[in-house]
């Protein structure tokens, strides 16, 4: 169950950040580049959960 919650939070974070960056791009506001940078960093993270 712990693994499912961790993966769910990971993917929800990715979707939330990509949604915020898309909104900022659509509204032609500054700051969306930092969100894309954070998104790239999150996509390069390897998640490993040890089962007990």
Protein backbone atom coordinates (compact mmCIF):
# COMPACT_ATOMS: atom_id res chain seq x y z
CA UNK A 1 0.00 0.00 0.00
CA UNK A 2 2.89 2.34 0.78
CA UNK A 3 4.27 1.82 -2.74
CA UNK A 4 0.97 2.82 -4.34
CA UNK A 5 0.76 6.03 -2.30
CA UNK A 6 4.34 6.99 -3.18
CA UNK A 7 3.81 6.43 -6.91
CA UNK A 8 0.46 8.23 -6.78
CA UNK A 9 2.02 11.28 -5.15
CA UNK A 10 4.91 11.19 -7.63
CA UNK A 11 2.64 11.18 -10.68
CA UNK A 12 0.24 13.72 -9.21
CA UNK A 13 3.19 16.05 -8.64
CA UNK A 14 4.30 15.62 -12.25
CA UNK A 15 0.80 16.32 -13.58
CA UNK A 16 0.33 19.32 -11.29
CA UNK A 17 3.63 20.94 -12.28
CA UNK A 18 3.04 20.34 -15.98
CA UNK A 19 -0.46 21.79 -15.64
CA UNK A 20 0.84 24.90 -13.88
CA UNK A 21 3.56 25.40 -16.50
CA UNK A 22 1.01 25.00 -19.30
CA UNK A 23 -1.28 27.54 -17.65
CA UNK A 24 1.56 30.06 -17.30
CA UNK A 25 2.55 29.55 -20.94
CA UNK A 26 -1.04 29.98 -22.10
CA UNK A 27 -1.47 33.18 -20.09
CA UNK A 28 1.93 34.44 -21.36
CA UNK A 29 3.26 34.92 -17.84
CA UNK A 30 6.86 34.63 -16.70
CA UNK A 31 8.22 31.82 -14.55
CA UNK A 32 7.12 28.73 -16.46
CA UNK A 33 10.73 27.85 -17.35
CA UNK A 34 11.50 27.07 -13.72
CA UNK A 35 8.54 24.71 -13.58
CA UNK A 36 9.74 22.91 -16.71
CA UNK A 37 13.20 22.64 -15.12
CA UNK A 38 11.70 21.10 -11.97
CA UNK A 39 9.61 18.77 -14.13
CA UNK A 40 12.71 17.54 -15.98
CA UNK A 41 14.44 16.92 -12.65
CA UNK A 42 11.44 14.96 -11.37
CA UNK A 43 11.30 12.87 -14.52
CA UNK A 44 14.95 11.87 -14.03
CA UNK A 45 14.45 10.67 -10.45
CA UNK A 46 14.46 6.92 -9.95
CA UNK A 47 12.00 5.80 -7.29
CA UNK A 48 12.70 2.60 -5.42
CA UNK A 49 10.60 1.32 -2.55
CA UNK A 50 11.76 -1.64 -0.51
CA UNK A 51 9.14 -4.13 0.52
CA UNK A 52 9.24 -5.26 4.11
